Amino acid sequence: MAVQDWQKSSYSGDAANCIYVSTTVDCDIKIRESDDPDTVITTTPDTLRALLRGIKEGEFDHLTT
């Protein structure tokens, strides 16, 4: 599946540890980190939306303590 252009997160600024996202022609979402660009996570828009919602609602906060 062809990956469209990678887009750097606006929160990364000029930092070296950047998150990039892209989509495929099949509407899958690809995510990679600048320190290891050959490792790519693939997900669907619905799954990513659920993850982001959980993060915003603090569902995973217990994992950071």
PDB file of N, CA and C in Angstrom:
ATOM      1  N   MET A   1       0.827  -1.175   0.000  1.00  0.00           N
ATOM      2  CA  MET A   1       0.000   0.000   0.000  1.00  0.00           C
ATOM      3  C   MET A   1       0.874   1.242   0.000  1.00  0.00           C
ATOM      4  N   ALA A   2       0.666   2.078  -0.921  1.00  0.00           N
ATOM      5  CA  ALA A   2       1.481   3.277  -1.045  1.00  0.00           C
ATOM      6  C   ALA A   2       1.183   4.259   0.085  1.00  0.00           C
ATOM      7  N   VAL A   3       2.243   4.762   0.693  1.00  0.00           N
ATOM      8  CA  VAL A   3       2.113   5.747   1.761  1.00  0.00           C
ATOM      9  C   VAL A   3       2.153   7.129   1.139  1.00  0.00           C
ATOM     10  N   GLN A   4       1.240   7.976   1.581  1.00  0.00           N
ATOM     11  CA  GLN A   4       1.247   9.361   1.148  1.00  0.00           C
ATOM     12  C   GLN A   4       2.403  10.074   1.854  1.00  0.00           C
ATOM     13  N   ASP A   5       2.551  11.359   1.643  1.00  0.00           N
ATOM     14  CA  ASP A   5       3.622  12.113   2.291  1.00  0.00           C
ATOM     15  C   ASP A   5       3.494  12.048   3.811  1.00  0.00           C
ATOM     16  N   TRP A   6       4.631  11.890   4.475  1.00  0.00           N
ATOM     17  CA  TRP A   6       4.655  11.882   5.927  1.00  0.00           C
ATOM     18  C   TRP A   6       4.502  13.306   6.440  1.00  0.00           C
ATOM     19  N   GLN A   7       3.716  13.490   7.495  1.00  0.00           N
ATOM     20  CA  GLN A   7       3.521  14.806   8.098  1.00  0.00           C
ATOM     21  C   GLN A   7       4.069  14.776   9.515  1.00  0.00           C
ATOM     22  N   LYS A   8       4.912  15.741   9.821  1.00  0.00           N
ATOM     23  CA  LYS A   8       5.517  15.840  11.150  1.00  0.00           C
ATOM     24  C   LYS A   8       4.535  16.511  12.106  1.00  0.00           C
ATOM     25  N   SER A   9       4.471  16.008  13.330  1.00  0.00           N
ATOM     26  CA  SER A   9       3.611  16.604  14.340  1.00  0.00           C
ATOM     27  C   SER A   9       4.016  18.045  14.601  1.00  0.00           C
ATOM     28  N   SER A  10       3.046  18.931  14.685  1.00  0.00           N
ATOM     29  CA  SER A  10       3.341  20.338  14.961  1.00  0.00           C
ATOM     30  C   SER A  10       3.863  20.521  16.387  1.00  0.00           C
ATOM     31  N   TYR A  11       3.619  19.561  17.278  1.00  0.00           N
ATOM     32  CA  TYR A  11       4.120  19.634  18.648  1.00  0.00           C
ATOM     33  C   TYR A  11       5.603  19.296  18.730  1.00  0.00           C
ATOM     34  N   SER A  12       6.171  18.723  17.689  1.00  0.00           N
ATOM     35  CA  SER A  12       7.579  18.339  17.709  1.00  0.00           C
ATOM     36  C   SER A  12       8.512  19.529  17.578  1.00  0.00           C
ATOM     37  N   GLY A  13       8.061  20.574  16.929  1.00  0.00           N
ATOM     38  CA  GLY A  13       8.906  21.746  16.750  1.00  0.00           C
ATOM     39  C   GLY A  13      10.195  21.382  16.048  1.00  0.00           C
ATOM     40  N   ASP A  14      11.320  21.856  16.584  1.00  0.00           N
ATOM     41  CA  ASP A  14      12.634  21.558  16.009  1.00  0.00           C
ATOM     42  C   ASP A  14      13.317  20.385  16.716  1.00  0.00           C
ATOM     43  N   ALA A  15      12.593  19.727  17.591  1.00  0.00           N
ATOM     44  CA  ALA A  15      13.174  18.617  18.349  1.00  0.00           C
ATOM     45  C   ALA A  15      13.513  17.450  17.434  1.00  0.00           C
ATOM     46  N   ALA A  16      14.436  16.621  17.893  1.00  0.00           N
ATOM     47  CA  ALA A  16      14.861  15.463  17.102  1.00  0.00           C
ATOM     48  C   ALA A  16      13.924  14.274  17.266  1.00  0.00           C
ATOM     49  N   ASN A  17      13.194  14.224  18.373  1.00  0.00           N
ATOM     50  CA  ASN A  17      12.292  13.094  18.620  1.00  0.00           C
ATOM     51  C   ASN A  17      10.891  13.451  18.129  1.00  0.00           C
ATOM     52  N   CYS A  18      10.641  13.201  16.865  1.00  0.00           N
ATOM     53  CA  CYS A  18       9.414  13.632  16.212  1.00  0.00           C
ATOM     54  C   CYS A  18       8.521  12.454  15.850  1.00  0.00           C
ATOM     55  N   ILE A  19       7.245  12.684  15.899  1.00  0.00           N
ATOM     56  CA  ILE A  19       6.259  11.712  15.449  1.00  0.00           C
ATOM     57  C   ILE A  19       5.773  12.154  14.068  1.00  0.00           C
ATOM     58  N   TYR A  20       5.705  11.191  13.160  1.00  0.00           N
ATOM     59  CA  TYR A  20       5.208  11.449  11.810  1.00  0.00           C
ATOM     60  C   TYR A  20       3.984  10.577  11.555  1.00  0.00           C
ATOM     61  N   VAL A  21       3.018  11.118  10.836  1.00  0.00           N
ATOM     62  CA  VAL A  21       1.838  10.342  10.452  1.00  0.00           C
ATOM     63  C   VAL A  21       1.635  10.445   8.954  1.00  0.00           C
ATOM     64  N   SER A  22       0.964   9.436   8.417  1.00  0.00           N
ATOM     65  CA  SER A  22       0.662   9.402   6.993  1.00  0.00           C
ATOM     66  C   SER A  22      -0.560   8.514   6.805  1.00  0.00           C
ATOM     67  N   THR A  23      -1.107   8.547   5.629  1.00  0.00           N
ATOM     68  CA  THR A  23      -2.224   7.666   5.295  1.00  0.00           C
ATOM     69  C   THR A  23      -1.874   6.880   4.044  1.00  0.00           C
ATOM     70  N   THR A  24      -2.576   5.779   3.858  1.00  0.00           N
ATOM     71  CA  THR A  24      -2.417   4.983   2.644  1.00  0.00           C
ATOM     72  C   THR A  24      -3.622   5.240   1.750  1.00  0.00           C
ATOM     73  N   VAL A  25      -3.559   4.751   0.548  1.00  0.00           N
ATOM     74  CA  VAL A  25      -4.691   4.917  -0.363  1.00  0.00           C
ATOM     75  C   VAL A  25      -5.916   4.158   0.148  1.00  0.00           C
ATOM     76  N   ASP A  26      -5.699   3.184   1.047  1.00  0.00           N
ATOM     77  CA  ASP A  26      -6.805   2.431   1.651  1.00  0.00           C
ATOM     78  C   ASP A  26      -7.314   3.084   2.936  1.00  0.00           C
ATOM     79  N   CYS A  27      -6.822   4.278   3.235  1.00  0.00           N
ATOM     80  CA  CYS A  27      -7.218   5.067   4.414  1.00  0.00           C
ATOM     81  C   CYS A  27      -6.685   4.530   5.734  1.00  0.00           C
ATOM     82  N   ASP A  28      -5.716   3.628   5.705  1.00  0.00           N
ATOM     83  CA  ASP A  28      -5.041   3.240   6.941  1.00  0.00           C
ATOM     84  C   ASP A  28      -4.150   4.391   7.380  1.00  0.00           C
ATOM     85  N   ILE A  29      -3.873   4.448   8.663  1.00  0.00           N
ATOM     86  CA  ILE A  29      -2.999   5.484   9.202  1.00  0.00           C
ATOM     87  C   ILE A  29      -1.678   4.833   9.594  1.00  0.00           C
ATOM     88  N   LYS A  30      -0.585   5.452   9.178  1.00  0.00           N
ATOM     89  CA  LYS A  30       0.762   4.987   9.498  1.00  0.00           C
ATOM     90  C   LYS A  30       1.385   5.992  10.461  1.00  0.00           C
ATOM     91  N   ILE A  31       2.092   5.467  11.469  1.00  0.00           N
ATOM     92  CA  ILE A  31       2.757   6.305  12.461  1.00  0.00           C
ATOM     93  C   ILE A  31       4.190   5.810  12.613  1.00  0.00           C
ATOM     94  N   ARG A  32       5.130   6.752  12.656  1.00  0.00           N
ATOM     95  CA  ARG A  32       6.535   6.386  12.885  1.00  0.00           C
ATOM     96  C   ARG A  32       7.201   7.452  13.737  1.00  0.00           C
ATOM     97  N   GLU A  33       8.338   7.100  14.302  1.00  0.00           N
ATOM     98  CA  GLU A  33       9.096   8.000  15.155  1.00  0.00           C
ATOM     99  C   GLU A  33      10.432   8.271  14.476  1.00  0.00           C
ATOM    100  N   SER A  34      10.904   9.493  14.556  1.00  0.00           N
ATOM    101  CA  SER A  34      12.087   9.892  13.786  1.00  0.00           C
ATOM    102  C   SER A  34      13.351   9.121  14.155  1.00  0.00           C
ATOM    103  N   ASP A  35      13.458   8.646  15.399  1.00  0.00           N
ATOM    104  CA  ASP A  35      14.650   7.900  15.798  1.00  0.00           C
ATOM    105  C   ASP A  35      14.714   6.507  15.183  1.00  0.00           C
ATOM    106  N   ASP A  36      13.574   5.975  14.728  1.00  0.00           N
ATOM    107  CA  ASP A  36      13.521   4.640  14.137  1.00  0.00           C
ATOM    108  C   ASP A  36      12.499   4.643  12.994  1.00  0.00           C
ATOM    109  N   PRO A  37      12.795   5.350  11.910  1.00  0.00           N
ATOM    110  CA  PRO A  37      11.812   5.539  10.834  1.00  0.00           C
ATOM    111  C   PRO A  37      11.427   4.272  10.074  1.00  0.00           C
ATOM    112  N   ASP A  38      12.203   3.197  10.239  1.00  0.00           N
ATOM    113  CA  ASP A  38      11.844   1.950   9.558  1.00  0.00           C
ATOM    114  C   ASP A  38      10.775   1.156  10.305  1.00  0.00           C
ATOM    115  N   THR A  39      10.527   1.544  11.563  1.00  0.00           N
ATOM    116  CA  THR A  39       9.468   0.905  12.342  1.00  0.00           C
ATOM    117  C   THR A  39       8.204   1.735  12.189  1.00  0.00           C
ATOM    118  N   VAL A  40       7.177   1.132  11.602  1.00  0.00           N
ATOM    119  CA  VAL A  40       5.938   1.843  11.305  1.00  0.00           C
ATOM    120  C   VAL A  40       4.771   1.081  11.914  1.00  0.00           C
ATOM    121  N   ILE A  41       3.927   1.796  12.634  1.00  0.00           N
ATOM    122  CA  ILE A  41       2.703   1.231  13.189  1.00  0.00           C
ATOM    123  C   ILE A  41       1.570   1.570  12.232  1.00  0.00           C
ATOM    124  N   THR A  42       0.738   0.590  11.946  1.00  0.00           N
ATOM    125  CA  THR A  42      -0.412   0.802  11.072  1.00  0.00           C
ATOM    126  C   THR A  42      -1.689   0.619  11.880  1.00  0.00           C
ATOM    127  N   THR A  43      -2.631   1.515  11.719  1.00  0.00           N
ATOM    128  CA  THR A  43      -3.897   1.442  12.429  1.00  0.00           C
ATOM    129  C   THR A  43      -5.013   1.985  11.542  1.00  0.00           C
ATOM    130  N   THR A  44      -6.223   1.902  12.048  1.00  0.00           N
ATOM    131  CA  THR A  44      -7.371   2.454  11.329  1.00  0.00           C
ATOM    132  C   THR A  44      -7.759   3.776  11.984  1.00  0.00           C
ATOM    133  N   PRO A  45      -8.481   4.619  11.266  1.00  0.00           N
ATOM    134  CA  PRO A  45      -8.924   5.880  11.872  1.00  0.00           C
ATOM    135  C   PRO A  45      -9.759   5.661  13.144  1.00  0.00           C
ATOM    136  N   ASP A  46     -10.642   4.670  13.151  1.00  0.00           N
ATOM    137  CA  ASP A  46     -11.476   4.420  14.330  1.00  0.00           C
ATOM    138  C   ASP A  46     -10.656   3.985  15.533  1.00  0.00           C
ATOM    139  N   THR A  47      -9.676   3.122  15.329  1.00  0.00           N
ATOM    140  CA  THR A  47      -8.831   2.657  16.424  1.00  0.00           C
ATOM    141  C   THR A  47      -7.971   3.789  16.968  1.00  0.00           C
ATOM    142  N   LEU A  48      -7.403   4.598  16.095  1.00  0.00           N
ATOM    143  CA  LEU A  48      -6.596   5.736  16.537  1.00  0.00           C
ATOM    144  C   LEU A  48      -7.469   6.738  17.287  1.00  0.00           C
ATOM    145  N   ARG A  49      -8.662   6.976  16.807  1.00  0.00           N
ATOM    146  CA  ARG A  49      -9.593   7.891  17.468  1.00  0.00           C
ATOM    147  C   ARG A  49      -9.899   7.395  18.888  1.00  0.00           C
ATOM    148  N   ALA A  50     -10.136   6.100  19.052  1.00  0.00           N
ATOM    149  CA  ALA A  50     -10.411   5.529  20.374  1.00  0.00           C
ATOM    150  C   ALA A  50      -9.208   5.677  21.292  1.00  0.00           C
ATOM    151  N   LEU A  51      -8.000   5.434  20.780  1.00  0.00           N
ATOM    152  CA  LEU A  51      -6.783   5.593  21.571  1.00  0.00           C
ATOM    153  C   LEU A  51      -6.625   7.038  22.032  1.00  0.00           C
ATOM    154  N   LEU A  52      -6.772   7.981  21.127  1.00  0.00           N
ATOM    155  CA  LEU A  52      -6.613   9.396  21.477  1.00  0.00           C
ATOM    156  C   LEU A  52      -7.669   9.834  22.480  1.00  0.00           C
ATOM    157  N   ARG A  53      -8.887   9.352  22.327  1.00  0.00           N
ATOM    158  CA  ARG A  53      -9.951   9.673  23.282  1.00  0.00           C
ATOM    159  C   ARG A  53      -9.576   9.145  24.669  1.00  0.00           C
ATOM    160  N   GLY A  54      -9.083   7.902  24.730  1.00  0.00           N
ATOM    161  CA  GLY A  54      -8.674   7.334  26.006  1.00  0.00           C
ATOM    162  C   GLY A  54      -7.540   8.108  26.648  1.00  0.00           C
ATOM    163  N   ILE A  55      -6.581   8.542  25.850  1.00  0.00           N
ATOM    164  CA  ILE A  55      -5.464   9.339  26.366  1.00  0.00           C
ATOM    165  C   ILE A  55      -5.979  10.650  26.949  1.00  0.00           C
ATOM    166  N   LYS A  56      -6.835  11.338  26.206  1.00  0.00           N
ATOM    167  CA  LYS A  56      -7.377  12.622  26.662  1.00  0.00           C
ATOM    168  C   LYS A  56      -8.214  12.467  27.927  1.00  0.00           C
ATOM    169  N   GLU A  57      -8.890  11.338  28.079  1.00  0.00           N
ATOM    170  CA  GLU A  57      -9.745  11.115  29.249  1.00  0.00           C
ATOM    171  C   GLU A  57      -8.975  10.536  30.432  1.00  0.00           C
ATOM    172  N   GLY A  58      -7.664  10.324  30.280  1.00  0.00           N
ATOM    173  CA  GLY A  58      -6.834   9.849  31.380  1.00  0.00           C
ATOM    174  C   GLY A  58      -6.890   8.348  31.611  1.00  0.00           C
ATOM    175  N   GLU A  59      -7.404   7.613  30.651  1.00  0.00           N
ATOM    176  CA  GLU A  59      -7.556   6.167  30.800  1.00  0.00           C
ATOM    177  C   GLU A  59      -6.227   5.449  31.045  1.00  0.00           C
ATOM    178  N   PHE A  60      -5.133   6.019  30.567  1.00  0.00           N
ATOM    179  CA  PHE A  60      -3.841   5.369  30.668  1.00  0.00           C
ATOM    180  C   PHE A  60      -2.899   6.051  31.651  1.00  0.00           C
ATOM    181  N   ASP A  61      -3.396   7.001  32.415  1.00  0.00           N
ATOM    182  CA  ASP A  61      -2.548   7.750  33.338  1.00  0.00           C
ATOM    183  C   ASP A  61      -1.849   6.851  34.348  1.00  0.00           C
ATOM    184  N   HIS A  62      -2.478   5.776  34.750  1.00  0.00           N
ATOM    185  CA  HIS A  62      -1.878   4.870  35.737  1.00  0.00           C
ATOM    186  C   HIS A  62      -0.594   4.213  35.199  1.00  0.00           C
ATOM    187  N   LEU A  63      -0.389   4.233  33.902  1.00  0.00           N
ATOM    188  CA  LEU A  63       0.810   3.630  33.325  1.00  0.00           C
ATOM    189  C   LEU A  63       2.034   4.542  33.423  1.00  0.00           C
ATOM    190  N   THR A  64       1.841   5.790  33.781  1.00  0.00           N
ATOM    191  CA  THR A  64       2.945   6.739  33.828  1.00  0.00           C
ATOM    192  C   THR A  64       3.477   6.971  35.232  1.00  0.00           C
ATOM    193  N   THR A  65       2.903   6.311  36.210  1.00  0.00           N
ATOM    194  CA  THR A  65       3.350   6.536  37.594  1.00  0.00           C
ATOM    195  C   THR A  65       4.128   5.354  38.101  1.00  0.00           C
TER     196      THR A  65
END
